[in-house]
Amino acid sequence: MTTMRTIGKRILGAAALACAVSGGSAAAGGTLEVWAIGLPNGYVIMEHQASVLEVSADDVANGVVEVRGGSRLVITLKSPAGYAVHLRSHSGLVQAASIEAIGRTVEMEGDSGILVQREAPAGRHVVAIDYRFVLAPGAVPGTYAWPLDLAVRAPLLGDRELPRVAHRLALTSKP
């Protein structure tokens, strides 16, 4: 019975976490607001999410756009647990992306990537996410809807960071 309850909680949690931050809201003229989602061992609050991607002439000339602090999550865990940040591209403007958070960088060459944090200690974790977008050929300067959807959920057994992970020191860590 306990196993069925655990599975049921995970399914409900996964369904709730499918409600992701989407740039589509910004493109439709809506605003992205703070949201909170439950995890089996805690909850996630989205404190900040960029709603647009500003592409300058210099960005087009360099072929990349960097956005520091494009997203900021607060993940609160009641006991040690893990979480996964799933990112999915929905824009033809970007051909690849590099996402840096929780001390790791995930290079996305396809349309998705996952940052997995296993065995995080109990407590409050502020996760700032930096982005580096490689622009598609033919990109022009302008203001575009945010090119990624983001969802946070409990990690699944089969989760692995995709497609390549380069472990780095967290930007906020101090010696």
C-alpha atoms as a PDB file:
ATOM      1  CA  MET A   1       0.000   0.000   0.000  1.00  0.00           C
ATOM      2  CA  THR A   2       2.830   2.372   0.829  1.00  0.00           C
ATOM      3  CA  THR A   3       4.380   1.768  -2.582  1.00  0.00           C
ATOM      4  CA  MET A   4       1.095   2.606  -4.318  1.00  0.00           C
ATOM      5  CA  ARG A   5       0.820   5.832  -2.319  1.00  0.00           C
ATOM      6  CA  THR A   6       4.406   6.750  -3.196  1.00  0.00           C
ATOM      7  CA  ILE A   7       3.799   6.024  -6.880  1.00  0.00           C
ATOM      8  CA  GLY A   8       0.531   7.976  -6.746  1.00  0.00           C
ATOM      9  CA  LYS A   9       2.267  10.960  -5.160  1.00  0.00           C
ATOM     10  CA  ARG A  10       4.989  10.875  -7.809  1.00  0.00           C
ATOM     11  CA  ILE A  11       2.451  10.714 -10.625  1.00  0.00           C
ATOM     12  CA  LEU A  12       0.477  13.609  -9.159  1.00  0.00           C
ATOM     13  CA  GLY A  13       3.703  15.521  -8.575  1.00  0.00           C
ATOM     14  CA  ALA A  14       4.835  14.923 -12.140  1.00  0.00           C
ATOM     15  CA  ALA A  15       1.448  16.056 -13.462  1.00  0.00           C
ATOM     16  CA  ALA A  16       1.599  19.219 -11.361  1.00  0.00           C
ATOM     17  CA  LEU A  17       5.158  19.898 -12.426  1.00  0.00           C
ATOM     18  CA  ALA A  18       4.182  19.627 -16.072  1.00  0.00           C
ATOM     19  CA  CYS A  19       2.874  23.156 -15.578  1.00  0.00           C
ATOM     20  CA  ALA A  20       6.064  24.853 -16.722  1.00  0.00           C
ATOM     21  CA  VAL A  21       7.093  28.429 -17.256  1.00  0.00           C
ATOM     22  CA  SER A  22       6.542  29.148 -20.930  1.00  0.00           C
ATOM     23  CA  GLY A  23       7.681  31.974 -23.146  1.00  0.00           C
ATOM     24  CA  GLY A  24       4.383  31.587 -24.980  1.00  0.00           C
ATOM     25  CA  SER A  25       2.669  33.608 -22.270  1.00  0.00           C
ATOM     26  CA  ALA A  26       5.049  36.489 -22.856  1.00  0.00           C
ATOM     27  CA  ALA A  27       4.627  36.238 -26.625  1.00  0.00           C
ATOM     28  CA  ALA A  28       0.867  36.488 -26.180  1.00  0.00           C
ATOM     29  CA  GLY A  29       1.319  39.723 -24.234  1.00  0.00           C
ATOM     30  CA  GLY A  30       0.888  38.094 -20.825  1.00  0.00           C
ATOM     31  CA  THR A  31       3.250  38.420 -17.917  1.00  0.00           C
ATOM     32  CA  LEU A  32       5.184  35.705 -16.197  1.00  0.00           C
ATOM     33  CA  GLU A  33       4.478  35.740 -12.491  1.00  0.00           C
ATOM     34  CA  VAL A  34       5.940  33.992  -9.474  1.00  0.00           C
ATOM     35  CA  TRP A  35       4.714  30.399  -9.218  1.00  0.00           C
ATOM     36  CA  ALA A  36       5.118  27.568  -6.734  1.00  0.00           C
ATOM     37  CA  ILE A  37       5.030  23.811  -7.287  1.00  0.00           C
ATOM     38  CA  GLY A  38       5.009  20.988  -4.767  1.00  0.00           C
ATOM     39  CA  LEU A  39       7.694  18.315  -4.631  1.00  0.00           C
ATOM     40  CA  PRO A  40       7.388  15.050  -2.676  1.00  0.00           C
ATOM     41  CA  ASN A  41       9.815  16.467  -0.047  1.00  0.00           C
ATOM     42  CA  GLY A  42       9.226  20.195  -0.363  1.00  0.00           C
ATOM     43  CA  TYR A  43       8.342  22.873  -2.883  1.00  0.00           C
ATOM     44  CA  VAL A  44       9.746  25.141  -5.608  1.00  0.00           C
ATOM     45  CA  ILE A  45       9.110  28.853  -6.045  1.00  0.00           C
ATOM     46  CA  MET A  46      10.031  30.606  -9.298  1.00  0.00           C
ATOM     47  CA  GLU A  47      11.259  34.002  -8.116  1.00  0.00           C
ATOM     48  CA  HIS A  48      12.325  35.287 -11.521  1.00  0.00           C
ATOM     49  CA  GLN A  49      12.008  34.223 -15.135  1.00  0.00           C
ATOM     50  CA  ALA A  50      13.057  36.323 -18.112  1.00  0.00           C
ATOM     51  CA  SER A  51      10.083  36.665 -20.439  1.00  0.00           C
ATOM     52  CA  VAL A  52      11.916  37.865 -23.536  1.00  0.00           C
ATOM     53  CA  LEU A  53      15.272  37.438 -25.213  1.00  0.00           C
ATOM     54  CA  GLU A  54      16.827  40.662 -26.464  1.00  0.00           C
ATOM     55  CA  VAL A  55      19.071  40.061 -29.477  1.00  0.00           C
ATOM     56  CA  SER A  56      21.346  42.946 -30.487  1.00  0.00           C
ATOM     57  CA  ALA A  57      23.303  43.484 -33.701  1.00  0.00           C
ATOM     58  CA  ASP A  58      26.481  42.574 -31.770  1.00  0.00           C
ATOM     59  CA  ASP A  59      24.842  39.339 -30.599  1.00  0.00           C
ATOM     60  CA  VAL A  60      23.984  38.438 -34.193  1.00  0.00           C
ATOM     61  CA  ALA A  61      27.542  39.277 -35.321  1.00  0.00           C
ATOM     62  CA  ASN A  62      28.968  37.040 -32.538  1.00  0.00           C
ATOM     63  CA  GLY A  63      26.331  34.349 -33.039  1.00  0.00           C
ATOM     64  CA  VAL A  64      25.542  34.115 -29.309  1.00  0.00           C
ATOM     65  CA  VAL A  65      23.419  35.772 -26.627  1.00  0.00           C
ATOM     66  CA  GLU A  66      24.317  35.464 -22.935  1.00  0.00           C
ATOM     67  CA  VAL A  67      21.740  35.970 -20.210  1.00  0.00           C
ATOM     68  CA  ARG A  68      23.004  35.856 -16.630  1.00  0.00           C
ATOM     69  CA  GLY A  69      20.339  35.176 -14.025  1.00  0.00           C
ATOM     70  CA  GLY A  70      17.635  34.524 -16.616  1.00  0.00           C
ATOM     71  CA  SER A  71      15.847  32.299 -14.097  1.00  0.00           C
ATOM     72  CA  ARG A  72      15.942  32.106 -10.311  1.00  0.00           C
ATOM     73  CA  LEU A  73      14.331  29.267  -8.374  1.00  0.00           C
ATOM     74  CA  VAL A  74      14.032  28.734  -4.641  1.00  0.00           C
ATOM     75  CA  ILE A  75      13.847  25.041  -3.819  1.00  0.00           C
ATOM     76  CA  THR A  76      12.934  24.186  -0.229  1.00  0.00           C
ATOM     77  CA  LEU A  77      13.385  20.590   0.917  1.00  0.00           C
ATOM     78  CA  LYS A  78      12.057  19.206   4.217  1.00  0.00           C
ATOM     79  CA  SER A  79      14.567  16.360   4.159  1.00  0.00           C
ATOM     80  CA  PRO A  80      17.479  15.347   1.921  1.00  0.00           C
ATOM     81  CA  ALA A  81      16.176  14.729  -1.588  1.00  0.00           C
ATOM     82  CA  GLY A  82      16.894  15.402  -5.216  1.00  0.00           C
ATOM     83  CA  TYR A  83      15.304  17.490  -7.934  1.00  0.00           C
ATOM     84  CA  ALA A  84      15.554  17.847 -11.692  1.00  0.00           C
ATOM     85  CA  VAL A  85      15.325  21.023 -13.770  1.00  0.00           C
ATOM     86  CA  HIS A  86      14.069  20.085 -17.231  1.00  0.00           C
ATOM     87  CA  LEU A  87      14.566  22.586 -20.058  1.00  0.00           C
ATOM     88  CA  ARG A  88      13.022  22.363 -23.519  1.00  0.00           C
ATOM     89  CA  SER A  89      13.567  24.663 -26.492  1.00  0.00           C
ATOM     90  CA  HIS A  90      10.596  25.814 -28.549  1.00  0.00           C
ATOM     91  CA  SER A  91      12.204  28.431 -30.761  1.00  0.00           C
ATOM     92  CA  GLY A  92      13.828  28.333 -34.176  1.00  0.00           C
ATOM     93  CA  LEU A  93      15.903  31.354 -33.154  1.00  0.00           C
ATOM     94  CA  VAL A  94      18.241  29.199 -31.057  1.00  0.00           C
ATOM     95  CA  GLN A  95      20.193  26.253 -32.486  1.00  0.00           C
ATOM     96  CA  ALA A  96      22.008  25.312 -29.263  1.00  0.00           C
ATOM     97  CA  ALA A  97      22.107  26.452 -25.647  1.00  0.00           C
ATOM     98  CA  SER A  98      24.365  26.175 -22.637  1.00  0.00           C
ATOM     99  CA  ILE A  99      22.659  26.301 -19.237  1.00  0.00           C
ATOM    100  CA  GLU A 100      24.640  26.801 -16.046  1.00  0.00           C
ATOM    101  CA  ALA A 101      23.169  26.136 -12.607  1.00  0.00           C
ATOM    102  CA  ILE A 102      23.725  24.043  -9.473  1.00  0.00           C
ATOM    103  CA  GLY A 103      27.445  23.952 -10.207  1.00  0.00           C
ATOM    104  CA  ARG A 104      27.041  22.327 -13.628  1.00  0.00           C
ATOM    105  CA  THR A 105      26.766  23.318 -17.245  1.00  0.00           C
ATOM    106  CA  VAL A 106      24.537  21.394 -19.618  1.00  0.00           C
ATOM    107  CA  GLU A 107      25.164  21.862 -23.328  1.00  0.00           C
ATOM    108  CA  MET A 108      21.898  21.468 -25.241  1.00  0.00           C
ATOM    109  CA  GLU A 109      22.334  20.710 -28.906  1.00  0.00           C
ATOM    110  CA  GLY A 110      18.888  19.261 -29.413  1.00  0.00           C
ATOM    111  CA  ASP A 111      15.667  20.558 -28.017  1.00  0.00           C
ATOM    112  CA  SER A 112      16.045  19.596 -24.333  1.00  0.00           C
ATOM    113  CA  GLY A 113      18.345  19.120 -21.378  1.00  0.00           C
ATOM    114  CA  ILE A 114      18.070  18.156 -17.721  1.00  0.00           C
ATOM    115  CA  LEU A 115      20.028  19.421 -14.731  1.00  0.00           C
ATOM    116  CA  VAL A 116      19.816  16.770 -12.003  1.00  0.00           C
ATOM    117  CA  GLN A 117      20.670  17.391  -8.366  1.00  0.00           C
ATOM    118  CA  ARG A 118      20.631  14.170  -6.376  1.00  0.00           C
ATOM    119  CA  GLU A 119      20.799  14.046  -2.576  1.00  0.00           C
ATOM    120  CA  ALA A 120      20.526  17.769  -1.921  1.00  0.00           C
ATOM    121  CA  PRO A 121      20.523  18.521   1.812  1.00  0.00           C
ATOM    122  CA  ALA A 122      17.353  19.659   3.566  1.00  0.00           C
ATOM    123  CA  GLY A 123      16.857  23.407   3.570  1.00  0.00           C
ATOM    124  CA  ARG A 124      16.458  26.325   1.211  1.00  0.00           C
ATOM    125  CA  HIS A 125      18.410  26.291  -2.076  1.00  0.00           C
ATOM    126  CA  VAL A 126      18.523  29.344  -4.355  1.00  0.00           C
ATOM    127  CA  VAL A 127      19.239  28.274  -7.928  1.00  0.00           C
ATOM    128  CA  ALA A 128      20.256  31.015 -10.361  1.00  0.00           C
ATOM    129  CA  ILE A 129      20.330  29.861 -13.969  1.00  0.00           C
ATOM    130  CA  ASP A 130      22.585  31.472 -16.573  1.00  0.00           C
ATOM    131  CA  TYR A 131      22.040  30.918 -20.290  1.00  0.00           C
ATOM    132  CA  ARG A 132      24.201  31.093 -23.393  1.00  0.00           C
ATOM    133  CA  PHE A 133      22.233  30.753 -26.618  1.00  0.00           C
ATOM    134  CA  VAL A 134      23.843  29.971 -29.977  1.00  0.00           C
ATOM    135  CA  LEU A 135      21.765  31.788 -32.567  1.00  0.00           C
ATOM    136  CA  ALA A 136      20.487  30.017 -35.655  1.00  0.00           C
ATOM    137  CA  PRO A 137      21.783  31.171 -39.040  1.00  0.00           C
ATOM    138  CA  GLY A 138      19.789  34.101 -40.350  1.00  0.00           C
ATOM    139  CA  ALA A 139      18.916  35.483 -36.895  1.00  0.00           C
ATOM    140  CA  VAL A 140      18.166  39.193 -36.856  1.00  0.00           C
ATOM    141  CA  PRO A 141      18.265  41.687 -33.985  1.00  0.00           C
ATOM    142  CA  GLY A 142      15.025  42.097 -32.067  1.00  0.00           C
ATOM    143  CA  THR A 143      12.969  41.155 -29.038  1.00  0.00           C
ATOM    144  CA  TYR A 144      11.788  37.545 -28.964  1.00  0.00           C
ATOM    145  CA  ALA A 145       9.699  35.405 -26.636  1.00  0.00           C
ATOM    146  CA  TRP A 146      11.843  33.463 -24.166  1.00  0.00           C
ATOM    147  CA  PRO A 147      13.047  30.406 -26.139  1.00  0.00           C
ATOM    148  CA  LEU A 148      12.929  27.769 -23.379  1.00  0.00           C
ATOM    149  CA  ASP A 149      10.304  26.113 -21.202  1.00  0.00           C
ATOM    150  CA  LEU A 150      11.413  25.160 -17.700  1.00  0.00           C
ATOM    151  CA  ALA A 151       9.912  22.609 -15.304  1.00  0.00           C
ATOM    152  CA  VAL A 152      11.139  21.377 -11.926  1.00  0.00           C
ATOM    153  CA  ARG A 153      10.252  17.943 -10.602  1.00  0.00           C
ATOM    154  CA  ALA A 154      11.523  15.101  -8.477  1.00  0.00           C
ATOM    155  CA  PRO A 155      14.246  13.182 -10.318  1.00  0.00           C
ATOM    156  CA  LEU A 156      13.300   9.899 -11.939  1.00  0.00           C
ATOM    157  CA  LEU A 157      15.484   6.790 -11.774  1.00  0.00           C
ATOM    158  CA  GLY A 158      16.327   7.076 -15.467  1.00  0.00           C
ATOM    159  CA  ASP A 159      17.166  10.794 -15.380  1.00  0.00           C
ATOM    160  CA  ARG A 160      20.587  11.742 -16.538  1.00  0.00           C
ATOM    161  CA  GLU A 161      21.875  15.079 -17.617  1.00  0.00           C
ATOM    162  CA  LEU A 162      21.594  15.433 -21.384  1.00  0.00           C
ATOM    163  CA  PRO A 163      23.361  15.561 -23.703  1.00  0.00           C
ATOM    164  CA  ARG A 164      26.770  16.606 -22.282  1.00  0.00           C
ATOM    165  CA  VAL A 165      27.629  17.850 -18.820  1.00  0.00           C
ATOM    166  CA  ALA A 166      30.712  19.815 -17.841  1.00  0.00           C
ATOM    167  CA  HIS A 167      31.066  19.956 -14.050  1.00  0.00           C
ATOM    168  CA  ARG A 168      32.164  23.379 -12.834  1.00  0.00           C
ATOM    169  CA  LEU A 169      32.316  25.209  -9.547  1.00  0.00           C
ATOM    170  CA  ALA A 170      29.064  26.929  -8.670  1.00  0.00           C
ATOM    171  CA  LEU A 171      29.131  30.625  -9.513  1.00  0.00           C
ATOM    172  CA  THR A 172      27.972  31.497  -6.007  1.00  0.00           C
ATOM    173  CA  SER A 173      30.331  29.240  -4.052  1.00  0.00           C
ATOM    174  CA  LYS A 174      32.961  30.863  -1.862  1.00  0.00           C
ATOM    175  CA  PRO A 175      36.211  29.213  -0.678  1.00  0.00           C
END
